[in-house]
N, C-alpha and C. Protein backbone atom coordinates (compact mmCIF):
# COMPACT_ATOMS: atom_id res chain seq x y z
N MET A 1 -28.14 -9.55 2.85
CA MET A 1 -27.77 -9.79 4.24
C MET A 1 -26.56 -10.72 4.34
N TYR A 2 -26.46 -11.64 3.40
CA TYR A 2 -25.32 -12.56 3.41
C TYR A 2 -24.01 -11.77 3.34
N ALA A 3 -23.93 -10.83 2.39
CA ALA A 3 -22.69 -10.09 2.16
C ALA A 3 -22.27 -9.25 3.35
N THR A 4 -23.22 -8.82 4.15
CA THR A 4 -22.87 -7.99 5.30
C THR A 4 -22.74 -8.80 6.59
N SER A 5 -22.85 -10.10 6.47
CA SER A 5 -22.70 -10.93 7.67
C SER A 5 -21.60 -11.97 7.50
N VAL A 6 -21.85 -12.99 6.72
CA VAL A 6 -20.94 -14.13 6.65
C VAL A 6 -19.50 -13.73 6.29
N PRO A 7 -19.26 -13.01 5.19
CA PRO A 7 -17.86 -12.67 4.87
C PRO A 7 -17.21 -11.76 5.92
N VAL A 8 -17.99 -10.89 6.55
CA VAL A 8 -17.44 -10.01 7.58
C VAL A 8 -16.98 -10.84 8.77
N PHE A 9 -17.85 -11.73 9.25
CA PHE A 9 -17.48 -12.58 10.37
C PHE A 9 -16.29 -13.47 10.01
N GLN A 10 -16.31 -14.03 8.80
CA GLN A 10 -15.20 -14.90 8.39
C GLN A 10 -13.87 -14.14 8.41
N ARG A 11 -13.88 -12.95 7.83
CA ARG A 11 -12.65 -12.17 7.75
C ARG A 11 -12.09 -11.86 9.14
N TYR A 12 -12.95 -11.36 10.01
CA TYR A 12 -12.47 -10.91 11.31
C TYR A 12 -12.22 -12.04 12.29
N LEU A 13 -12.85 -13.17 12.10
CA LEU A 13 -12.45 -14.35 12.87
C LEU A 13 -11.05 -14.78 12.45
N GLY A 14 -10.75 -14.65 11.17
CA GLY A 14 -9.40 -14.94 10.69
C GLY A 14 -8.37 -13.99 11.29
N GLN A 15 -8.73 -12.71 11.38
CA GLN A 15 -7.83 -11.73 12.00
C GLN A 15 -7.63 -12.06 13.47
N LEU A 16 -8.73 -12.45 14.15
CA LEU A 16 -8.64 -12.82 15.56
C LEU A 16 -7.70 -14.02 15.74
N ALA A 17 -7.82 -15.00 14.88
CA ALA A 17 -6.94 -16.17 14.96
C ALA A 17 -5.48 -15.77 14.79
N GLN A 18 -5.22 -14.85 13.86
CA GLN A 18 -3.84 -14.39 13.64
C GLN A 18 -3.31 -13.63 14.87
N MET A 19 -4.18 -12.82 15.49
CA MET A 19 -3.76 -12.10 16.70
C MET A 19 -3.42 -13.08 17.82
N LEU A 20 -4.23 -14.13 17.95
CA LEU A 20 -3.95 -15.14 18.97
C LEU A 20 -2.63 -15.87 18.68
N LYS A 21 -2.36 -16.15 17.41
CA LYS A 21 -1.09 -16.79 17.05
C LYS A 21 0.09 -15.89 17.42
N ARG A 22 -0.09 -14.59 17.19
CA ARG A 22 0.97 -13.65 17.56
C ARG A 22 1.19 -13.68 19.08
N ALA A 23 0.10 -13.76 19.84
CA ALA A 23 0.22 -13.83 21.30
C ALA A 23 0.92 -15.11 21.72
N GLU A 24 0.59 -16.21 21.07
CA GLU A 24 1.20 -17.50 21.41
C GLU A 24 2.69 -17.51 21.17
N THR A 25 3.14 -16.81 20.15
CA THR A 25 4.56 -16.82 19.82
C THR A 25 5.35 -15.77 20.59
N SER A 26 4.64 -14.97 21.37
CA SER A 26 5.34 -13.99 22.22
C SER A 26 5.97 -14.74 23.39
N GLU A 27 6.78 -14.05 24.12
CA GLU A 27 7.42 -14.66 25.29
C GLU A 27 6.60 -14.43 26.56
N LEU A 28 5.36 -14.01 26.39
CA LEU A 28 4.49 -13.73 27.54
C LEU A 28 3.86 -15.01 28.06
N ASP A 29 3.57 -15.03 29.34
CA ASP A 29 2.95 -16.18 29.99
C ASP A 29 1.54 -16.40 29.42
N PRO A 30 1.28 -17.56 28.79
CA PRO A 30 -0.02 -17.80 28.16
C PRO A 30 -1.19 -17.71 29.14
N GLN A 31 -1.04 -18.25 30.33
CA GLN A 31 -2.15 -18.21 31.29
C GLN A 31 -2.42 -16.78 31.76
N ARG A 32 -1.36 -16.01 31.92
CA ARG A 32 -1.56 -14.61 32.30
C ARG A 32 -2.29 -13.86 31.19
N LEU A 33 -1.93 -14.14 29.96
CA LEU A 33 -2.61 -13.51 28.82
C LEU A 33 -4.09 -13.90 28.78
N LEU A 34 -4.37 -15.17 28.89
CA LEU A 34 -5.75 -15.65 28.78
C LEU A 34 -6.65 -15.12 29.89
N GLN A 35 -6.06 -14.80 31.04
CA GLN A 35 -6.86 -14.31 32.17
C GLN A 35 -6.82 -12.78 32.32
N ALA A 36 -6.09 -12.11 31.45
CA ALA A 36 -5.97 -10.65 31.54
C ALA A 36 -7.31 -9.97 31.33
N ARG A 37 -7.53 -8.88 32.05
CA ARG A 37 -8.76 -8.10 31.97
C ARG A 37 -8.39 -6.62 31.78
N LEU A 38 -9.23 -5.90 31.06
CA LEU A 38 -9.02 -4.46 30.91
C LEU A 38 -9.39 -3.72 32.19
N ALA A 39 -10.36 -4.24 32.90
CA ALA A 39 -10.81 -3.68 34.18
C ALA A 39 -11.29 -4.85 35.03
N PRO A 40 -11.27 -4.72 36.34
CA PRO A 40 -11.65 -5.85 37.20
C PRO A 40 -13.05 -6.42 36.92
N ASP A 41 -13.97 -5.57 36.48
CA ASP A 41 -15.33 -6.06 36.24
C ASP A 41 -15.58 -6.47 34.79
N MET A 42 -14.52 -6.54 33.98
CA MET A 42 -14.66 -6.99 32.59
C MET A 42 -14.21 -8.44 32.47
N LEU A 43 -14.67 -9.07 31.41
CA LEU A 43 -14.32 -10.48 31.17
C LEU A 43 -12.87 -10.61 30.72
N PRO A 44 -12.24 -11.76 31.01
CA PRO A 44 -10.85 -11.98 30.60
C PRO A 44 -10.74 -12.24 29.10
N LEU A 45 -9.53 -12.18 28.61
CA LEU A 45 -9.25 -12.39 27.19
C LEU A 45 -9.91 -13.66 26.66
N SER A 46 -9.76 -14.77 27.37
CA SER A 46 -10.31 -16.04 26.85
C SER A 46 -11.81 -15.92 26.58
N LEU A 47 -12.53 -15.25 27.47
CA LEU A 47 -13.98 -15.10 27.26
C LEU A 47 -14.30 -14.06 26.20
N GLN A 48 -13.47 -13.04 26.07
CA GLN A 48 -13.69 -12.06 25.00
C GLN A 48 -13.58 -12.74 23.63
N VAL A 49 -12.59 -13.60 23.49
CA VAL A 49 -12.40 -14.34 22.24
C VAL A 49 -13.57 -15.30 22.02
N GLU A 50 -13.92 -16.01 23.07
CA GLU A 50 -15.01 -16.97 22.99
C GLU A 50 -16.33 -16.30 22.58
N ILE A 51 -16.65 -15.19 23.23
CA ILE A 51 -17.91 -14.51 22.95
C ILE A 51 -17.91 -13.90 21.55
N ALA A 52 -16.81 -13.31 21.13
CA ALA A 52 -16.73 -12.79 19.76
C ALA A 52 -16.99 -13.91 18.76
N THR A 53 -16.34 -15.04 18.99
CA THR A 53 -16.52 -16.19 18.10
C THR A 53 -17.96 -16.68 18.10
N ASN A 54 -18.53 -16.78 19.30
CA ASN A 54 -19.91 -17.23 19.42
C ASN A 54 -20.87 -16.28 18.71
N PHE A 55 -20.59 -14.97 18.77
CA PHE A 55 -21.51 -14.01 18.14
C PHE A 55 -21.61 -14.21 16.64
N ALA A 56 -20.55 -14.64 16.01
CA ALA A 56 -20.62 -14.90 14.56
C ALA A 56 -21.67 -15.97 14.27
N VAL A 57 -21.69 -17.01 15.08
CA VAL A 57 -22.66 -18.10 14.91
C VAL A 57 -24.04 -17.67 15.40
N ARG A 58 -24.08 -17.00 16.55
CA ARG A 58 -25.35 -16.52 17.12
C ARG A 58 -26.05 -15.54 16.20
N ALA A 59 -25.30 -14.87 15.35
CA ALA A 59 -25.89 -13.94 14.39
C ALA A 59 -26.37 -14.67 13.14
N CYS A 60 -25.51 -15.50 12.58
CA CYS A 60 -25.81 -16.08 11.27
C CYS A 60 -26.80 -17.25 11.33
N ALA A 61 -26.80 -18.01 12.39
CA ALA A 61 -27.75 -19.13 12.47
C ALA A 61 -29.20 -18.63 12.39
N PRO A 62 -29.63 -17.69 13.23
CA PRO A 62 -31.01 -17.24 13.11
C PRO A 62 -31.30 -16.51 11.80
N LEU A 63 -30.31 -15.81 11.26
CA LEU A 63 -30.52 -15.16 9.96
C LEU A 63 -30.79 -16.19 8.87
N ALA A 64 -30.19 -17.37 9.00
CA ALA A 64 -30.39 -18.45 8.04
C ALA A 64 -31.59 -19.32 8.40
N GLY A 65 -32.28 -18.99 9.48
CA GLY A 65 -33.42 -19.80 9.91
C GLY A 65 -33.02 -21.09 10.59
N LEU A 66 -31.82 -21.13 11.14
CA LEU A 66 -31.30 -22.34 11.79
C LEU A 66 -31.22 -22.14 13.29
N GLU A 67 -31.23 -23.24 14.01
CA GLU A 67 -30.98 -23.19 15.45
C GLU A 67 -29.49 -22.93 15.65
N VAL A 68 -29.16 -22.20 16.70
CA VAL A 68 -27.76 -21.97 17.04
C VAL A 68 -27.19 -23.29 17.57
N PRO A 69 -26.14 -23.80 16.93
CA PRO A 69 -25.56 -25.06 17.41
C PRO A 69 -24.87 -24.86 18.75
N PRO A 70 -24.70 -25.93 19.52
CA PRO A 70 -23.98 -25.81 20.79
C PRO A 70 -22.53 -25.40 20.55
N PHE A 71 -22.01 -24.61 21.46
CA PHE A 71 -20.64 -24.10 21.32
C PHE A 71 -19.61 -25.02 21.94
N GLY A 72 -20.02 -25.90 22.83
CA GLY A 72 -19.07 -26.76 23.52
C GLY A 72 -18.55 -26.08 24.76
N GLU A 73 -17.59 -26.71 25.37
CA GLU A 73 -17.02 -26.22 26.62
C GLU A 73 -16.23 -24.93 26.40
N PRO A 74 -16.13 -24.10 27.43
CA PRO A 74 -15.32 -22.89 27.32
C PRO A 74 -13.86 -23.23 27.02
N GLY A 75 -13.20 -22.32 26.34
CA GLY A 75 -11.80 -22.53 25.98
C GLY A 75 -10.87 -21.87 26.96
N HIS A 76 -10.08 -22.65 27.65
CA HIS A 76 -9.15 -22.10 28.63
C HIS A 76 -7.70 -22.24 28.16
N SER A 77 -7.54 -22.41 26.86
CA SER A 77 -6.19 -22.48 26.29
C SER A 77 -6.25 -21.87 24.89
N PHE A 78 -5.10 -21.53 24.37
CA PHE A 78 -5.06 -21.01 23.01
C PHE A 78 -5.54 -22.06 22.02
N ALA A 79 -5.20 -23.32 22.25
CA ALA A 79 -5.63 -24.39 21.35
C ALA A 79 -7.16 -24.50 21.33
N ALA A 80 -7.79 -24.41 22.50
CA ALA A 80 -9.25 -24.50 22.57
C ALA A 80 -9.90 -23.31 21.88
N LEU A 81 -9.30 -22.13 22.01
CA LEU A 81 -9.86 -20.94 21.35
C LEU A 81 -9.71 -21.05 19.84
N HIS A 82 -8.58 -21.55 19.37
CA HIS A 82 -8.40 -21.76 17.93
C HIS A 82 -9.41 -22.79 17.41
N ALA A 83 -9.65 -23.84 18.17
CA ALA A 83 -10.63 -24.86 17.76
C ALA A 83 -12.03 -24.24 17.65
N ARG A 84 -12.38 -23.38 18.59
CA ARG A 84 -13.69 -22.72 18.55
C ARG A 84 -13.81 -21.82 17.32
N ILE A 85 -12.75 -21.07 17.03
CA ILE A 85 -12.76 -20.21 15.85
C ILE A 85 -12.91 -21.07 14.59
N THR A 86 -12.19 -22.17 14.52
CA THR A 86 -12.28 -23.06 13.36
C THR A 86 -13.69 -23.60 13.19
N ARG A 87 -14.33 -24.03 14.29
CA ARG A 87 -15.71 -24.53 14.20
C ARG A 87 -16.66 -23.44 13.70
N ALA A 88 -16.48 -22.23 14.19
CA ALA A 88 -17.33 -21.12 13.74
C ALA A 88 -17.10 -20.84 12.26
N GLN A 89 -15.85 -20.84 11.83
CA GLN A 89 -15.55 -20.61 10.42
C GLN A 89 -16.14 -21.71 9.54
N GLN A 90 -16.11 -22.94 10.01
CA GLN A 90 -16.71 -24.04 9.24
C GLN A 90 -18.22 -23.88 9.15
N PHE A 91 -18.85 -23.46 10.24
CA PHE A 91 -20.29 -23.22 10.23
C PHE A 91 -20.62 -22.13 9.20
N LEU A 92 -19.86 -21.03 9.23
CA LEU A 92 -20.10 -19.93 8.31
C LEU A 92 -19.87 -20.35 6.85
N ALA A 93 -18.83 -21.13 6.63
CA ALA A 93 -18.52 -21.58 5.27
C ALA A 93 -19.62 -22.45 4.67
N ALA A 94 -20.38 -23.11 5.52
CA ALA A 94 -21.45 -23.99 5.05
C ALA A 94 -22.73 -23.22 4.69
N LEU A 95 -22.79 -21.94 5.05
CA LEU A 95 -23.99 -21.15 4.75
C LEU A 95 -23.94 -20.64 3.32
N SER A 96 -25.10 -20.53 2.70
CA SER A 96 -25.18 -20.02 1.34
C SER A 96 -25.96 -18.71 1.32
N PRO A 97 -25.73 -17.89 0.32
CA PRO A 97 -26.51 -16.65 0.20
C PRO A 97 -28.02 -16.92 0.15
N GLU A 98 -28.41 -18.04 -0.43
CA GLU A 98 -29.84 -18.37 -0.52
C GLU A 98 -30.46 -18.57 0.86
N GLN A 99 -29.70 -19.11 1.80
CA GLN A 99 -30.24 -19.33 3.14
C GLN A 99 -30.56 -18.02 3.86
N LEU A 100 -29.86 -16.96 3.49
CA LEU A 100 -30.08 -15.66 4.12
C LEU A 100 -30.89 -14.71 3.24
N ALA A 101 -31.38 -15.20 2.11
CA ALA A 101 -32.05 -14.34 1.13
C ALA A 101 -33.22 -13.56 1.72
N ASP A 102 -34.02 -14.16 2.55
CA ASP A 102 -35.19 -13.49 3.12
C ASP A 102 -34.97 -13.09 4.58
N SER A 103 -33.75 -12.93 4.99
CA SER A 103 -33.47 -12.75 6.41
C SER A 103 -33.66 -11.33 6.92
N ALA A 104 -33.74 -10.34 6.07
CA ALA A 104 -33.86 -8.95 6.53
C ALA A 104 -35.09 -8.75 7.40
N GLN A 105 -36.18 -9.42 7.07
CA GLN A 105 -37.42 -9.27 7.84
C GLN A 105 -37.70 -10.44 8.77
N ARG A 106 -36.92 -11.52 8.64
CA ARG A 106 -37.10 -12.67 9.53
C ARG A 106 -36.86 -12.24 10.97
N ILE A 107 -37.71 -12.62 11.88
CA ILE A 107 -37.52 -12.28 13.28
C ILE A 107 -36.46 -13.20 13.87
N CYS A 108 -35.43 -12.59 14.41
CA CYS A 108 -34.31 -13.32 15.00
C CYS A 108 -34.32 -13.08 16.50
N THR A 109 -34.12 -14.15 17.24
CA THR A 109 -34.12 -14.02 18.70
C THR A 109 -32.75 -14.38 19.26
N ASP A 110 -32.44 -13.76 20.39
CA ASP A 110 -31.19 -14.04 21.08
C ASP A 110 -31.32 -13.56 22.52
N GLN A 111 -30.50 -14.11 23.37
CA GLN A 111 -30.45 -13.71 24.77
C GLN A 111 -29.35 -12.69 24.92
N ALA A 112 -29.71 -11.49 25.37
CA ALA A 112 -28.74 -10.41 25.59
C ALA A 112 -28.69 -10.14 27.09
N GLY A 113 -27.82 -10.85 27.77
CA GLY A 113 -27.80 -10.75 29.23
C GLY A 113 -29.10 -11.29 29.79
N GLN A 114 -29.84 -10.46 30.50
CA GLN A 114 -31.12 -10.86 31.07
C GLN A 114 -32.29 -10.65 30.10
N ALA A 115 -32.04 -9.98 28.99
CA ALA A 115 -33.11 -9.65 28.03
C ALA A 115 -33.18 -10.69 26.92
N THR A 116 -34.39 -10.99 26.49
CA THR A 116 -34.60 -11.81 25.31
C THR A 116 -34.99 -10.88 24.17
N LEU A 117 -34.20 -10.90 23.12
CA LEU A 117 -34.45 -10.03 21.97
C LEU A 117 -35.20 -10.78 20.89
N ALA A 118 -36.07 -10.09 20.20
CA ALA A 118 -36.75 -10.60 19.01
C ALA A 118 -36.80 -9.42 18.04
N LEU A 119 -35.90 -9.45 17.05
CA LEU A 119 -35.73 -8.30 16.16
C LEU A 119 -35.78 -8.75 14.70
N PRO A 120 -36.24 -7.88 13.80
CA PRO A 120 -36.12 -8.18 12.37
C PRO A 120 -34.64 -8.37 12.03
N GLY A 121 -34.36 -9.26 11.11
CA GLY A 121 -32.99 -9.63 10.78
C GLY A 121 -32.06 -8.47 10.51
N GLU A 122 -32.53 -7.48 9.77
CA GLU A 122 -31.67 -6.35 9.43
C GLU A 122 -31.26 -5.58 10.69
N VAL A 123 -32.18 -5.35 11.60
CA VAL A 123 -31.88 -4.67 12.87
C VAL A 123 -31.03 -5.58 13.75
N PHE A 124 -31.38 -6.86 13.78
CA PHE A 124 -30.64 -7.84 14.58
C PHE A 124 -29.16 -7.83 14.20
N LEU A 125 -28.88 -7.84 12.90
CA LEU A 125 -27.50 -7.88 12.44
C LEU A 125 -26.80 -6.54 12.63
N SER A 126 -27.40 -5.47 12.13
CA SER A 126 -26.70 -4.18 12.09
C SER A 126 -26.63 -3.46 13.42
N GLN A 127 -27.64 -3.64 14.28
CA GLN A 127 -27.66 -2.88 15.52
C GLN A 127 -27.36 -3.72 16.76
N TYR A 128 -27.35 -5.03 16.61
CA TYR A 128 -27.10 -5.89 17.76
C TYR A 128 -25.90 -6.81 17.55
N ALA A 129 -25.96 -7.69 16.57
CA ALA A 129 -24.94 -8.74 16.43
C ALA A 129 -23.57 -8.19 16.03
N LEU A 130 -23.52 -7.40 14.96
CA LEU A 130 -22.22 -6.87 14.54
C LEU A 130 -21.58 -5.97 15.60
N PRO A 131 -22.33 -5.03 16.21
CA PRO A 131 -21.69 -4.23 17.27
C PRO A 131 -21.17 -5.08 18.43
N ASN A 132 -21.90 -6.10 18.82
CA ASN A 132 -21.43 -6.96 19.91
C ASN A 132 -20.20 -7.76 19.50
N PHE A 133 -20.20 -8.29 18.28
CA PHE A 133 -19.04 -9.01 17.77
C PHE A 133 -17.80 -8.11 17.82
N PHE A 134 -17.93 -6.89 17.29
CA PHE A 134 -16.78 -5.99 17.25
C PHE A 134 -16.40 -5.47 18.62
N PHE A 135 -17.35 -5.37 19.55
CA PHE A 135 -17.01 -5.00 20.92
C PHE A 135 -16.06 -6.03 21.52
N HIS A 136 -16.41 -7.30 21.41
CA HIS A 136 -15.58 -8.36 22.01
C HIS A 136 -14.28 -8.55 21.24
N LEU A 137 -14.31 -8.40 19.92
CA LEU A 137 -13.09 -8.47 19.12
C LEU A 137 -12.14 -7.34 19.51
N SER A 138 -12.68 -6.13 19.63
CA SER A 138 -11.85 -4.98 20.02
C SER A 138 -11.32 -5.13 21.43
N SER A 139 -12.12 -5.70 22.32
CA SER A 139 -11.65 -5.94 23.69
C SER A 139 -10.50 -6.93 23.69
N ALA A 140 -10.61 -7.98 22.88
CA ALA A 140 -9.51 -8.96 22.79
C ALA A 140 -8.25 -8.29 22.25
N TYR A 141 -8.39 -7.49 21.21
CA TYR A 141 -7.24 -6.76 20.66
C TYR A 141 -6.62 -5.86 21.72
N ALA A 142 -7.46 -5.08 22.43
CA ALA A 142 -6.96 -4.16 23.44
C ALA A 142 -6.25 -4.90 24.58
N LEU A 143 -6.80 -6.04 24.98
CA LEU A 143 -6.16 -6.84 26.03
C LEU A 143 -4.79 -7.34 25.59
N LEU A 144 -4.71 -7.83 24.38
CA LEU A 144 -3.42 -8.31 23.89
C LEU A 144 -2.40 -7.19 23.84
N ARG A 145 -2.82 -6.02 23.35
CA ARG A 145 -1.92 -4.87 23.32
C ARG A 145 -1.50 -4.47 24.73
N GLN A 146 -2.48 -4.40 25.63
CA GLN A 146 -2.21 -4.00 27.01
C GLN A 146 -1.17 -4.93 27.66
N GLN A 147 -1.22 -6.21 27.31
CA GLN A 147 -0.33 -7.19 27.91
C GLN A 147 1.04 -7.27 27.23
N GLY A 148 1.21 -6.50 26.16
CA GLY A 148 2.52 -6.43 25.53
C GLY A 148 2.67 -7.19 24.23
N VAL A 149 1.58 -7.74 23.69
CA VAL A 149 1.67 -8.42 22.40
C VAL A 149 1.81 -7.34 21.33
N ARG A 150 2.79 -7.52 20.46
CA ARG A 150 3.07 -6.52 19.44
C ARG A 150 2.06 -6.64 18.30
N LEU A 151 1.00 -5.83 18.41
CA LEU A 151 -0.06 -5.77 17.41
C LEU A 151 -0.28 -4.32 17.01
N GLY A 152 -0.80 -4.14 15.84
CA GLY A 152 -1.18 -2.80 15.38
C GLY A 152 -2.48 -2.88 14.60
N LYS A 153 -2.89 -1.75 14.07
CA LYS A 153 -4.15 -1.67 13.33
C LYS A 153 -4.18 -2.66 12.18
N ALA A 154 -3.06 -2.86 11.52
CA ALA A 154 -3.00 -3.80 10.41
C ALA A 154 -3.35 -5.22 10.85
N ASP A 155 -3.00 -5.57 12.08
CA ASP A 155 -3.33 -6.90 12.60
C ASP A 155 -4.83 -7.02 12.87
N PHE A 156 -5.44 -5.90 13.24
CA PHE A 156 -6.88 -5.92 13.51
C PHE A 156 -7.70 -6.04 12.24
N ASP A 157 -7.41 -5.18 11.26
CA ASP A 157 -8.28 -5.18 10.08
C ASP A 157 -7.71 -5.89 8.86
N GLY A 158 -6.42 -6.13 8.84
CA GLY A 158 -5.83 -6.85 7.72
C GLY A 158 -5.72 -6.06 6.44
N TRP A 159 -6.07 -4.79 6.48
CA TRP A 159 -6.01 -3.94 5.27
C TRP A 159 -4.85 -2.98 5.32
N HIS A 160 -4.63 -2.39 6.48
CA HIS A 160 -3.61 -1.36 6.60
C HIS A 160 -2.21 -1.97 6.49
N VAL A 161 -1.32 -1.20 5.93
CA VAL A 161 0.09 -1.57 5.86
C VAL A 161 0.89 -0.39 6.37
N TYR A 162 1.74 -0.66 7.35
CA TYR A 162 2.58 0.39 7.93
C TYR A 162 4.02 -0.02 7.86
């Protein structure tokens, strides 16, 4: 379970941080970027980044048998979002494979909107946490592209070269 959680979250949080740096160095208005939405009823970029980052911790803490640490105040600036990503990466870096050794069957709980979930670790990670993480990560990527930040698939996954 460790190999399919911690390194995946670490890698893609790193990609998210790089995408945000690209946005910061663009000539686009930072506040307009942070508040951009794909649709009126969707969350803005700042919250998409925040929730993606939070999901990495919300997934791995219960898998390791730990309480989810507080996330702190919402990030309304690129600096605050980078700080949140850094805190999440530090939390992930402190986890060991041994902490997640028995997590496949450990019951993990989380709040999913109005629903309280209690799922075996393997289902929690593969069918709930990872899809939600990638939903918010993809939404952040799409918002940045929509707003004119020059990103491509290589920026998202870090593997492709064009």
